[in-house]
Amino acid sequence: MPAYDGTRFDPPAPLVHVSVRNPASGAVLPEVPMLLDSGADVTLLPGP
């Protein structure tokens, strides 16, 4: 069970930290906080 973040969200919401990798360059962004939405059909990340 992920931890709930009450400092960024009211009411508190589940937040996970993930590593995001660029498939073209291999660059990695570690520990990116993301809101966990168990009802979502897809996950989208904005481009550069």
PDB file of N, CA and C in Angstrom:
ATOM      1  N   MET A   1       0.849  -1.171   0.000  1.00  0.00           N
ATOM      2  CA  MET A   1       0.000   0.000   0.000  1.00  0.00           C
ATOM      3  C   MET A   1       0.901   1.242   0.000  1.00  0.00           C
ATOM      4  N   PRO A   2       0.701   2.156  -0.951  1.00  0.00           N
ATOM      5  CA  PRO A   2       1.528   3.370  -0.986  1.00  0.00           C
ATOM      6  C   PRO A   2       1.161   4.323   0.146  1.00  0.00           C
ATOM      7  N   ALA A   3       2.106   5.176   0.480  1.00  0.00           N
ATOM      8  CA  ALA A   3       1.860   6.177   1.515  1.00  0.00           C
ATOM      9  C   ALA A   3       0.940   7.275   0.984  1.00  0.00           C
ATOM     10  N   TYR A   4       0.138   7.823   1.862  1.00  0.00           N
ATOM     11  CA  TYR A   4      -0.744   8.925   1.476  1.00  0.00           C
ATOM     12  C   TYR A   4      -0.047  10.238   1.790  1.00  0.00           C
ATOM     13  N   ASP A   5      -0.149  11.206   0.867  1.00  0.00           N
ATOM     14  CA  ASP A   5       0.492  12.506   1.015  1.00  0.00           C
ATOM     15  C   ASP A   5      -0.561  13.542   1.383  1.00  0.00           C
ATOM     16  N   GLY A   6      -0.482  14.029   2.618  1.00  0.00           N
ATOM     17  CA  GLY A   6      -1.427  15.038   3.075  1.00  0.00           C
ATOM     18  C   GLY A   6      -0.890  16.449   2.959  1.00  0.00           C
ATOM     19  N   THR A   7       0.378  16.590   2.540  1.00  0.00           N
ATOM     20  CA  THR A   7       0.939  17.930   2.406  1.00  0.00           C
ATOM     21  C   THR A   7       0.652  18.540   1.038  1.00  0.00           C
ATOM     22  N   ARG A   8       0.514  17.724   0.009  1.00  0.00           N
ATOM     23  CA  ARG A   8       0.238  18.226  -1.344  1.00  0.00           C
ATOM     24  C   ARG A   8      -1.228  18.110  -1.736  1.00  0.00           C
ATOM     25  N   PHE A   9      -1.954  17.219  -1.055  1.00  0.00           N
ATOM     26  CA  PHE A   9      -3.337  16.941  -1.450  1.00  0.00           C
ATOM     27  C   PHE A   9      -4.261  17.033  -0.246  1.00  0.00           C
ATOM     28  N   ASP A  10      -5.464  17.575  -0.476  1.00  0.00           N
ATOM     29  CA  ASP A  10      -6.479  17.644   0.564  1.00  0.00           C
ATOM     30  C   ASP A  10      -7.800  17.220  -0.062  1.00  0.00           C
ATOM     31  N   PRO A  11      -8.314  16.060   0.238  1.00  0.00           N
ATOM     32  CA  PRO A  11      -7.840  15.099   1.237  1.00  0.00           C
ATOM     33  C   PRO A  11      -6.560  14.389   0.777  1.00  0.00           C
ATOM     34  N   PRO A  12      -5.852  13.759   1.719  1.00  0.00           N
ATOM     35  CA  PRO A  12      -4.619  13.046   1.361  1.00  0.00           C
ATOM     36  C   PRO A  12      -4.862  12.016   0.261  1.00  0.00           C
ATOM     37  N   ALA A  13      -3.870  11.868  -0.613  1.00  0.00           N
ATOM     38  CA  ALA A  13      -3.995  10.959  -1.756  1.00  0.00           C
ATOM     39  C   ALA A  13      -2.756  10.070  -1.839  1.00  0.00           C
ATOM     40  N   PRO A  14      -2.890   8.873  -2.450  1.00  0.00           N
ATOM     41  CA  PRO A  14      -1.747   7.967  -2.560  1.00  0.00           C
ATOM     42  C   PRO A  14      -0.718   8.500  -3.550  1.00  0.00           C
ATOM     43  N   LEU A  15       0.524   8.530  -3.119  1.00  0.00           N
ATOM     44  CA  LEU A  15       1.612   9.056  -3.931  1.00  0.00           C
ATOM     45  C   LEU A  15       2.731   8.018  -3.975  1.00  0.00           C
ATOM     46  N   VAL A  16       3.257   7.764  -5.168  1.00  0.00           N
ATOM     47  CA  VAL A  16       4.391   6.850  -5.330  1.00  0.00           C
ATOM     48  C   VAL A  16       5.540   7.615  -5.976  1.00  0.00           C
ATOM     49  N   HIS A  17       6.762   7.140  -5.759  1.00  0.00           N
ATOM     50  CA  HIS A  17       7.943   7.722  -6.392  1.00  0.00           C
ATOM     51  C   HIS A  17       8.451   6.712  -7.417  1.00  0.00           C
ATOM     52  N   VAL A  18       8.586   7.152  -8.660  1.00  0.00           N
ATOM     53  CA  VAL A  18       9.007   6.272  -9.746  1.00  0.00           C
ATOM     54  C   VAL A  18      10.243   6.840 -10.438  1.00  0.00           C
ATOM     55  N   SER A  19      10.938   5.991 -11.174  1.00  0.00           N
ATOM     56  CA  SER A  19      12.038   6.424 -12.033  1.00  0.00           C
ATOM     57  C   SER A  19      11.517   6.452 -13.459  1.00  0.00           C
ATOM     58  N   VAL A  20      11.771   7.555 -14.162  1.00  0.00           N
ATOM     59  CA  VAL A  20      11.311   7.716 -15.540  1.00  0.00           C
ATOM     60  C   VAL A  20      12.547   7.742 -16.439  1.00  0.00           C
ATOM     61  N   ARG A  21      12.527   6.898 -17.482  1.00  0.00           N
ATOM     62  CA  ARG A  21      13.671   6.801 -18.383  1.00  0.00           C
ATOM     63  C   ARG A  21      13.278   7.212 -19.790  1.00  0.00           C
ATOM     64  N   ASN A  22      14.120   8.009 -20.431  1.00  0.00           N
ATOM     65  CA  ASN A  22      13.927   8.402 -21.822  1.00  0.00           C
ATOM     66  C   ASN A  22      14.425   7.244 -22.685  1.00  0.00           C
ATOM     67  N   PRO A  23      13.556   6.611 -23.472  1.00  0.00           N
ATOM     68  CA  PRO A  23      13.991   5.461 -24.265  1.00  0.00           C
ATOM     69  C   PRO A  23      14.991   5.827 -25.366  1.00  0.00           C
ATOM     70  N   ALA A  24      14.981   7.065 -25.811  1.00  0.00           N
ATOM     71  CA  ALA A  24      15.892   7.479 -26.886  1.00  0.00           C
ATOM     72  C   ALA A  24      17.302   7.728 -26.363  1.00  0.00           C
ATOM     73  N   SER A  25      17.415   8.429 -25.234  1.00  0.00           N
ATOM     74  CA  SER A  25      18.742   8.801 -24.728  1.00  0.00           C
ATOM     75  C   SER A  25      19.205   7.943 -23.564  1.00  0.00           C
ATOM     76  N   GLY A  26      18.285   7.279 -22.903  1.00  0.00           N
ATOM     77  CA  GLY A  26      18.631   6.485 -21.728  1.00  0.00           C
ATOM     78  C   GLY A  26      18.714   7.313 -20.457  1.00  0.00           C
ATOM     79  N   ALA A  27      18.486   8.629 -20.541  1.00  0.00           N
ATOM     80  CA  ALA A  27      18.537   9.492 -19.355  1.00  0.00           C
ATOM     81  C   ALA A  27      17.439   9.084 -18.375  1.00  0.00           C
ATOM     82  N   VAL A  28      17.779   9.114 -17.093  1.00  0.00           N
ATOM     83  CA  VAL A  28      16.844   8.690 -16.054  1.00  0.00           C
ATOM     84  C   VAL A  28      16.580   9.833 -15.084  1.00  0.00           C
ATOM     85  N   LEU A  29      15.303  10.031 -14.757  1.00  0.00           N
ATOM     86  CA  LEU A  29      14.901  10.948 -13.687  1.00  0.00           C
ATOM     87  C   LEU A  29      14.457  10.077 -12.513  1.00  0.00           C
ATOM     88  N   PRO A  30      15.232  10.028 -11.436  1.00  0.00           N
ATOM     89  CA  PRO A  30      14.855   9.175 -10.304  1.00  0.00           C
ATOM     90  C   PRO A  30      13.892   9.889  -9.357  1.00  0.00           C
ATOM     91  N   GLU A  31      13.118   9.093  -8.652  1.00  0.00           N
ATOM     92  CA  GLU A  31      12.258   9.598  -7.571  1.00  0.00           C
ATOM     93  C   GLU A  31      11.287  10.689  -8.008  1.00  0.00           C
ATOM     94  N   VAL A  32      10.594  10.480  -9.118  1.00  0.00           N
ATOM     95  CA  VAL A  32       9.575  11.426  -9.580  1.00  0.00           C
ATOM     96  C   VAL A  32       8.270  11.108  -8.849  1.00  0.00           C
ATOM     97  N   PRO A  33       7.704  12.061  -8.093  1.00  0.00           N
ATOM     98  CA  PRO A  33       6.455  11.787  -7.384  1.00  0.00           C
ATOM     99  C   PRO A  33       5.280  11.759  -8.364  1.00  0.00           C
ATOM    100  N   MET A  34       4.459  10.731  -8.234  1.00  0.00           N
ATOM    101  CA  MET A  34       3.278  10.603  -9.098  1.00  0.00           C
ATOM    102  C   MET A  34       2.078  10.198  -8.276  1.00  0.00           C
ATOM    103  N   LEU A  35       0.961  10.813  -8.594  1.00  0.00           N
ATOM    104  CA  LEU A  35      -0.304  10.493  -7.944  1.00  0.00           C
ATOM    105  C   LEU A  35      -0.782   9.140  -8.460  1.00  0.00           C
ATOM    106  N   LEU A  36      -1.114   8.246  -7.555  1.00  0.00           N
ATOM    107  CA  LEU A  36      -1.588   6.920  -7.927  1.00  0.00           C
ATOM    108  C   LEU A  36      -3.108   6.961  -8.070  1.00  0.00           C
ATOM    109  N   ASP A  37      -3.599   6.686  -9.275  1.00  0.00           N
ATOM    110  CA  ASP A  37      -5.034   6.696  -9.550  1.00  0.00           C
ATOM    111  C   ASP A  37      -5.446   5.304  -9.988  1.00  0.00           C
ATOM    112  N   SER A  38      -6.006   4.540  -9.078  1.00  0.00           N
ATOM    113  CA  SER A  38      -6.354   3.145  -9.364  1.00  0.00           C
ATOM    114  C   SER A  38      -7.528   3.024 -10.327  1.00  0.00           C
ATOM    115  N   GLY A  39      -8.233   4.121 -10.591  1.00  0.00           N
ATOM    116  CA  GLY A  39      -9.353   4.071 -11.518  1.00  0.00           C
ATOM    117  C   GLY A  39      -8.996   4.540 -12.918  1.00  0.00           C
ATOM    118  N   ALA A  40      -7.728   4.901 -13.133  1.00  0.00           N
ATOM    119  CA  ALA A  40      -7.316   5.416 -14.438  1.00  0.00           C
ATOM    120  C   ALA A  40      -7.185   4.288 -15.455  1.00  0.00           C
ATOM    121  N   ASP A  41      -7.520   4.582 -16.707  1.00  0.00           N
ATOM    122  CA  ASP A  41      -7.362   3.618 -17.788  1.00  0.00           C
ATOM    123  C   ASP A  41      -5.957   3.690 -18.391  1.00  0.00           C
ATOM    124  N   VAL A  42      -5.347   4.867 -18.394  1.00  0.00           N
ATOM    125  CA  VAL A  42      -4.018   5.065 -18.966  1.00  0.00           C
ATOM    126  C   VAL A  42      -3.223   6.044 -18.100  1.00  0.00           C
ATOM    127  N   THR A  43      -1.926   6.077 -18.308  1.00  0.00           N
ATOM    128  CA  THR A  43      -1.061   7.062 -17.672  1.00  0.00           C
ATOM    129  C   THR A  43      -0.331   7.819 -18.777  1.00  0.00           C
ATOM    130  N   LEU A  44      -0.386   9.147 -18.707  1.00  0.00           N
ATOM    131  CA  LEU A  44       0.279   9.986 -19.716  1.00  0.00           C
ATOM    132  C   LEU A  44       1.280  10.888 -19.017  1.00  0.00           C
ATOM    133  N   LEU A  45       2.431  11.068 -19.645  1.00  0.00           N
ATOM    134  CA  LEU A  45       3.457  11.985 -19.155  1.00  0.00           C
ATOM    135  C   LEU A  45       3.669  13.063 -20.195  1.00  0.00           C
ATOM    136  N   PRO A  46       3.781  14.318 -19.771  1.00  0.00           N
ATOM    137  CA  PRO A  46       4.006  15.385 -20.745  1.00  0.00           C
ATOM    138  C   PRO A  46       5.375  15.257 -21.391  1.00  0.00           C
ATOM    139  N   GLY A  47       5.478  15.642 -22.651  1.00  0.00           N
ATOM    140  CA  GLY A  47       6.741  15.637 -23.369  1.00  0.00           C
ATOM    141  C   GLY A  47       7.590  16.814 -22.973  1.00  0.00           C
ATOM    142  N   PRO A  48       8.829  16.852 -23.470  1.00  0.00           N
ATOM    143  CA  PRO A  48       9.737  17.957 -23.119  1.00  0.00           C
ATOM    144  C   PRO A  48       9.288  19.293 -23.680  1.00  0.00           C
TER     145      PRO A  48
END
